[in-house]
């Protein structure tokens, strides 16, 4: 299974970006797909996730600003990020997980830099 993240870049505070995570297998075959981020010197954190049933969840820090969505036909999961803040600066990665047999897969990260 391969995951390809793209869409990162440099924006000013208040700007927007849309990240894409293209998956080599049907995204509906995974129990959950999530976007994570890791800022320098900080632990990786879950930003948003979407289940195979379509349920979504967000970290408190991004609620109301980020939206996770998917295109089943393209096997791609998106993260629309709006009203970006400097503290959103991080490397963003996507992860696809199957609870049985308990395996998950990571894509390479994409850098998001937000300047004030």
Protein backbone atom coordinates (compact mmCIF):
# COMPACT_ATOMS: atom_id res chain seq x y z
CA UNK A 1 0.00 0.00 0.00
CA UNK A 2 1.35 3.41 -0.94
CA UNK A 3 0.15 6.81 0.15
CA UNK A 4 1.25 9.95 -1.69
CA UNK A 5 0.74 13.26 0.09
CA UNK A 6 0.91 16.52 -1.81
CA UNK A 7 -0.27 20.09 -1.73
CA UNK A 8 1.94 21.62 0.92
CA UNK A 9 3.57 24.99 0.52
CA UNK A 10 4.22 28.35 2.07
CA UNK A 11 1.41 30.76 2.79
CA UNK A 12 0.79 33.80 4.90
CA UNK A 13 -1.37 33.67 7.97
CA UNK A 14 -5.02 33.64 7.00
CA UNK A 15 -4.30 31.78 3.80
CA UNK A 16 -5.52 28.39 2.64
CA UNK A 17 -4.08 25.18 1.33
CA UNK A 18 -5.54 21.86 0.28
CA UNK A 19 -3.56 18.71 0.92
CA UNK A 20 -4.19 15.51 -1.00
CA UNK A 21 -3.42 11.93 0.00
CA UNK A 22 -3.62 9.52 -2.91
CA UNK A 23 -3.86 5.88 -1.85
CA UNK A 24 -2.88 2.92 -4.02
CA UNK A 25 -5.75 0.79 -2.69
CA UNK A 26 -9.43 1.51 -2.27
CA UNK A 27 -9.73 4.00 0.58
CA UNK A 28 -12.92 2.27 1.67
CA UNK A 29 -10.85 -0.82 2.51
CA UNK A 30 -9.33 1.07 5.43
CA UNK A 31 -11.12 1.59 8.72
CA UNK A 32 -9.76 5.08 9.10
CA UNK A 33 -7.55 7.50 7.21
CA UNK A 34 -6.01 10.37 9.05
CA UNK A 35 -3.89 13.44 8.57
CA UNK A 36 -1.13 13.94 11.12
CA UNK A 37 1.37 16.71 11.58
CA UNK A 38 4.67 17.12 13.30
CA UNK A 39 6.23 20.46 14.04
CA UNK A 40 9.92 20.83 14.88
CA UNK A 41 10.60 19.72 18.43
CA UNK A 42 7.05 18.50 18.95
CA UNK A 43 5.35 15.15 18.92
CA UNK A 44 3.30 14.06 15.98
CA UNK A 45 -0.38 14.78 16.46
CA UNK A 46 -3.57 13.69 14.76
CA UNK A 47 -5.15 16.61 12.94
CA UNK A 48 -8.18 15.03 11.29
CA UNK A 49 -9.50 11.61 10.43
CA UNK A 50 -12.26 10.06 8.39
CA UNK A 51 -13.65 6.58 8.84
CA UNK A 52 -14.79 4.18 6.16
CA UNK A 53 -18.33 5.08 7.15
CA UNK A 54 -17.65 8.74 6.55
CA UNK A 55 -17.44 9.95 10.14
CA UNK A 56 -14.95 12.73 10.69
CA UNK A 57 -13.03 14.01 13.66
CA UNK A 58 -10.71 16.92 14.30
CA UNK A 59 -8.17 18.13 16.77
CA UNK A 60 -9.53 21.00 18.82
CA UNK A 61 -6.85 23.31 17.44
CA UNK A 62 -8.17 22.98 13.88
CA UNK A 63 -11.92 22.64 14.36
CA UNK A 64 -13.79 25.11 12.21
CA UNK A 65 -10.74 25.75 10.04
CA UNK A 66 -9.82 22.36 8.56
CA UNK A 67 -12.07 19.97 6.68
CA UNK A 68 -11.25 16.39 5.79
CA UNK A 69 -13.01 14.85 2.83
CA UNK A 70 -12.55 12.07 0.32
CA UNK A 71 -13.14 11.11 -3.28
CA UNK A 72 -13.82 7.40 -3.33
CA UNK A 73 -13.49 7.16 -7.10
CA UNK A 74 -10.01 8.68 -6.97
CA UNK A 75 -9.02 6.92 -3.74
CA UNK A 76 -7.90 10.27 -2.43
CA UNK A 77 -8.41 11.97 0.91
CA UNK A 78 -8.17 15.74 1.18
CA UNK A 79 -7.46 18.17 3.96
CA UNK A 80 -8.78 21.64 3.24
CA UNK A 81 -7.02 24.08 5.53
CA UNK A 82 -8.35 27.60 5.90
CA UNK A 83 -7.43 30.57 8.05
CA UNK A 84 -4.00 29.10 8.54
CA UNK A 85 -1.94 30.21 11.50
CA UNK A 86 1.82 30.15 12.07
CA UNK A 87 1.30 27.38 14.61
CA UNK A 88 -0.03 25.18 11.81
CA UNK A 89 3.48 25.04 10.39
CA UNK A 90 4.53 21.39 10.31
CA UNK A 91 5.14 18.40 8.14
CA UNK A 92 1.77 16.84 7.33
CA UNK A 93 1.49 13.13 6.65
CA UNK A 94 -1.39 10.79 5.94
CA UNK A 95 -1.98 7.41 7.48
CA UNK A 96 -4.34 4.61 6.49
CA UNK A 97 -5.24 1.97 9.05
CA UNK A 98 -6.96 -1.39 9.10
CA UNK A 99 -7.99 -2.58 12.52
CA UNK A 100 -7.88 -6.22 11.43
CA UNK A 101 -5.16 -7.40 11.26
CA UNK A 102 -3.95 -4.21 12.90
CA UNK A 103 -1.84 -2.65 10.19
CA UNK A 104 -1.33 0.89 9.11
CA UNK A 105 0.54 2.65 6.35
CA UNK A 106 2.18 6.03 6.10
CA UNK A 107 2.81 8.34 3.22
CA UNK A 108 5.72 10.72 3.00
CA UNK A 109 5.13 14.13 4.49
CA UNK A 110 4.41 17.42 2.84
CA UNK A 111 5.67 20.65 4.37
CA UNK A 112 3.26 23.39 5.32
CA UNK A 113 4.78 26.70 6.35
CA UNK A 114 2.63 29.59 7.55
CA UNK A 115 4.27 32.96 8.01
CA UNK A 116 2.90 35.78 10.12
